[in-house]
Amino acid sequence: MMGAVARVGKPRVHPVFPAASEKLHQKPKETKWVSVQSSNLQAVAAAEGYLYVRFDSGAYRYPDAGHLFQPLLDAKSKGSFFHKVVRNLPFEKLCCKCNWNPAGKSGLCESCK
């Protein structure tokens, strides 16, 4: 019996932001998280055009959304701003251990396995 062959699908291409789809698979430079007062969000960060958002359930990064970092921090309700402005943008789930690198199927990146 032959070994299983992993299927590699095409990267997601966002219909409105096609350039952002290419950036989903690039590793950004590290930056510091800023804790926020919110019942929905824990912390946010920005680096190289990415917006990073950490929830209780994990962290995500949004390419070409770094310009939303300061408006998100300035928003009276961080959760409402996120749901109205950021939620439907292309994103990538991050490693549940380091919160920086893209997560694999196990939830961990290659560096944290």
C-alpha atoms as a PDB file:
ATOM      1  CA  MET A   1       0.000   0.000   0.000  1.00  0.00           C
ATOM      2  CA  MET A   2       1.356   3.400  -0.931  1.00  0.00           C
ATOM      3  CA  GLY A   3       1.663   6.216   1.598  1.00  0.00           C
ATOM      4  CA  ALA A   4      -0.911   8.953   1.736  1.00  0.00           C
ATOM      5  CA  VAL A   5      -0.264  11.954  -0.461  1.00  0.00           C
ATOM      6  CA  ALA A   6      -0.899  15.298   1.128  1.00  0.00           C
ATOM      7  CA  ARG A   7      -3.067  17.572  -0.951  1.00  0.00           C
ATOM      8  CA  VAL A   8      -1.843  21.075  -1.347  1.00  0.00           C
ATOM      9  CA  GLY A   9      -4.656  23.391  -2.320  1.00  0.00           C
ATOM     10  CA  LYS A  10      -4.382  26.739  -3.975  1.00  0.00           C
ATOM     11  CA  PRO A  11      -3.840  29.651  -1.602  1.00  0.00           C
ATOM     12  CA  ARG A  12      -6.978  31.608  -0.853  1.00  0.00           C
ATOM     13  CA  VAL A  13      -7.395  34.626  -3.094  1.00  0.00           C
ATOM     14  CA  HIS A  14      -9.518  37.368  -1.669  1.00  0.00           C
ATOM     15  CA  PRO A  15     -11.827  38.812  -4.350  1.00  0.00           C
ATOM     16  CA  VAL A  16     -11.394  42.412  -3.209  1.00  0.00           C
ATOM     17  CA  PHE A  17      -7.796  42.297  -1.952  1.00  0.00           C
ATOM     18  CA  PRO A  18      -5.888  39.892  -4.270  1.00  0.00           C
ATOM     19  CA  ALA A  19      -2.474  41.350  -3.307  1.00  0.00           C
ATOM     20  CA  ALA A  20      -3.222  40.563   0.341  1.00  0.00           C
ATOM     21  CA  SER A  21      -3.638  36.880  -0.505  1.00  0.00           C
ATOM     22  CA  GLU A  22       0.022  36.628  -1.527  1.00  0.00           C
ATOM     23  CA  LYS A  23       1.180  38.121   1.784  1.00  0.00           C
ATOM     24  CA  LEU A  24      -0.617  35.461   3.844  1.00  0.00           C
ATOM     25  CA  HIS A  25       2.323  33.071   3.538  1.00  0.00           C
ATOM     26  CA  GLN A  26       5.149  35.490   4.399  1.00  0.00           C
ATOM     27  CA  LYS A  27       6.741  35.532   7.850  1.00  0.00           C
ATOM     28  CA  PRO A  28       6.715  39.061   9.341  1.00  0.00           C
ATOM     29  CA  LYS A  29       9.208  40.614  11.709  1.00  0.00           C
ATOM     30  CA  GLU A  30       8.277  40.346  15.353  1.00  0.00           C
ATOM     31  CA  THR A  31       6.738  43.269  17.178  1.00  0.00           C
ATOM     32  CA  LYS A  32       5.257  43.731  20.631  1.00  0.00           C
ATOM     33  CA  TRP A  33       1.651  43.044  21.502  1.00  0.00           C
ATOM     34  CA  VAL A  34      -0.359  45.882  23.054  1.00  0.00           C
ATOM     35  CA  SER A  35      -2.924  44.711  25.612  1.00  0.00           C
ATOM     36  CA  VAL A  36      -6.387  46.177  25.126  1.00  0.00           C
ATOM     37  CA  GLN A  37      -9.357  46.548  27.419  1.00  0.00           C
ATOM     38  CA  SER A  38     -12.000  44.464  25.714  1.00  0.00           C
ATOM     39  CA  SER A  39     -14.202  41.525  26.553  1.00  0.00           C
ATOM     40  CA  ASN A  40     -13.557  40.249  23.029  1.00  0.00           C
ATOM     41  CA  LEU A  41      -9.898  40.977  22.219  1.00  0.00           C
ATOM     42  CA  GLN A  42      -6.817  40.405  24.395  1.00  0.00           C
ATOM     43  CA  ALA A  43      -4.118  42.272  22.478  1.00  0.00           C
ATOM     44  CA  VAL A  44      -3.210  43.767  19.102  1.00  0.00           C
ATOM     45  CA  ALA A  45       0.026  44.398  17.224  1.00  0.00           C
ATOM     46  CA  ALA A  46       1.185  45.681  13.847  1.00  0.00           C
ATOM     47  CA  ALA A  47       4.269  44.983  11.716  1.00  0.00           C
ATOM     48  CA  GLU A  48       5.138  45.289   8.028  1.00  0.00           C
ATOM     49  CA  GLY A  49       1.580  46.044   6.979  1.00  0.00           C
ATOM     50  CA  TYR A  50       0.029  43.242   9.042  1.00  0.00           C
ATOM     51  CA  LEU A  51      -2.498  43.704  11.809  1.00  0.00           C
ATOM     52  CA  TYR A  52      -2.287  41.046  14.537  1.00  0.00           C
ATOM     53  CA  VAL A  53      -5.233  40.312  16.827  1.00  0.00           C
ATOM     54  CA  ARG A  54      -5.145  37.925  19.790  1.00  0.00           C
ATOM     55  CA  PHE A  55      -8.315  36.451  21.298  1.00  0.00           C
ATOM     56  CA  ASP A  56      -8.799  33.902  24.090  1.00  0.00           C
ATOM     57  CA  SER A  57      -9.123  31.291  21.346  1.00  0.00           C
ATOM     58  CA  GLY A  58      -5.924  32.198  19.478  1.00  0.00           C
ATOM     59  CA  ALA A  59      -4.163  34.807  17.381  1.00  0.00           C
ATOM     60  CA  TYR A  60      -4.658  35.885  13.772  1.00  0.00           C
ATOM     61  CA  ARG A  61      -2.878  38.162  11.331  1.00  0.00           C
ATOM     62  CA  TYR A  62      -4.453  40.295   8.634  1.00  0.00           C
ATOM     63  CA  PRO A  63      -2.267  41.352   5.667  1.00  0.00           C
ATOM     64  CA  ASP A  64      -2.505  44.918   4.341  1.00  0.00           C
ATOM     65  CA  ALA A  65      -4.425  45.930   7.478  1.00  0.00           C
ATOM     66  CA  GLY A  66      -1.591  47.404   9.562  1.00  0.00           C
ATOM     67  CA  HIS A  67      -3.051  50.867   8.981  1.00  0.00           C
ATOM     68  CA  LEU A  68      -6.013  49.781  11.142  1.00  0.00           C
ATOM     69  CA  PHE A  69      -3.818  49.320  14.234  1.00  0.00           C
ATOM     70  CA  GLN A  70      -4.161  52.868  15.603  1.00  0.00           C
ATOM     71  CA  PRO A  71      -7.868  53.248  14.737  1.00  0.00           C
ATOM     72  CA  LEU A  72      -8.484  49.941  16.544  1.00  0.00           C
ATOM     73  CA  LEU A  73      -6.586  51.165  19.610  1.00  0.00           C
ATOM     74  CA  ASP A  74      -8.495  54.474  19.514  1.00  0.00           C
ATOM     75  CA  ALA A  75     -11.925  52.851  19.147  1.00  0.00           C
ATOM     76  CA  LYS A  76     -14.243  53.139  22.123  1.00  0.00           C
ATOM     77  CA  SER A  77     -15.265  49.506  21.609  1.00  0.00           C
ATOM     78  CA  LYS A  78     -12.421  47.360  20.265  1.00  0.00           C
ATOM     79  CA  GLY A  79     -14.731  44.397  19.641  1.00  0.00           C
ATOM     80  CA  SER A  80     -17.249  46.459  17.666  1.00  0.00           C
ATOM     81  CA  PHE A  81     -14.478  48.007  15.567  1.00  0.00           C
ATOM     82  CA  PHE A  82     -13.039  44.564  14.886  1.00  0.00           C
ATOM     83  CA  HIS A  83     -16.390  43.109  13.834  1.00  0.00           C
ATOM     84  CA  LYS A  84     -17.315  46.075  11.625  1.00  0.00           C
ATOM     85  CA  VAL A  85     -13.934  46.738   9.966  1.00  0.00           C
ATOM     86  CA  VAL A  86     -11.491  43.830  10.326  1.00  0.00           C
ATOM     87  CA  ARG A  87     -13.464  40.606  10.669  1.00  0.00           C
ATOM     88  CA  ASN A  88     -14.116  39.945   6.964  1.00  0.00           C
ATOM     89  CA  LEU A  89     -10.589  40.714   5.729  1.00  0.00           C
ATOM     90  CA  PRO A  90      -8.268  37.879   4.623  1.00  0.00           C
ATOM     91  CA  PHE A  91      -6.491  36.347   7.625  1.00  0.00           C
ATOM     92  CA  GLU A  92      -4.213  33.566   8.770  1.00  0.00           C
ATOM     93  CA  LYS A  93      -4.406  31.668  12.082  1.00  0.00           C
ATOM     94  CA  LEU A  94      -1.169  31.846  14.036  1.00  0.00           C
ATOM     95  CA  CYS A  95       0.677  29.335  16.190  1.00  0.00           C
ATOM     96  CA  CYS A  96      -1.032  28.846  19.559  1.00  0.00           C
ATOM     97  CA  LYS A  97       2.340  28.814  21.352  1.00  0.00           C
ATOM     98  CA  CYS A  98       4.364  31.699  19.897  1.00  0.00           C
ATOM     99  CA  ASN A  99       1.495  33.732  18.338  1.00  0.00           C
ATOM    100  CA  TRP A 100       3.720  34.823  15.424  1.00  0.00           C
ATOM    101  CA  ASN A 101       4.242  32.068  12.886  1.00  0.00           C
ATOM    102  CA  PRO A 102       1.505  30.506  10.757  1.00  0.00           C
ATOM    103  CA  ALA A 103      -0.050  27.505  12.480  1.00  0.00           C
ATOM    104  CA  GLY A 104       0.003  24.035  11.000  1.00  0.00           C
ATOM    105  CA  LYS A 105      -2.822  21.521  11.360  1.00  0.00           C
ATOM    106  CA  SER A 106      -1.672  20.767  14.910  1.00  0.00           C
ATOM    107  CA  GLY A 107      -2.081  24.430  15.878  1.00  0.00           C
ATOM    108  CA  LEU A 108       1.696  24.819  16.226  1.00  0.00           C
ATOM    109  CA  CYS A 109       4.199  26.284  13.772  1.00  0.00           C
ATOM    110  CA  GLU A 110       7.261  24.376  12.602  1.00  0.00           C
ATOM    111  CA  SER A 111       9.486  26.177  15.159  1.00  0.00           C
ATOM    112  CA  CYS A 112       7.299  25.291  18.149  1.00  0.00           C
ATOM    113  CA  LYS A 113       6.636  21.598  17.372  1.00  0.00           C
END
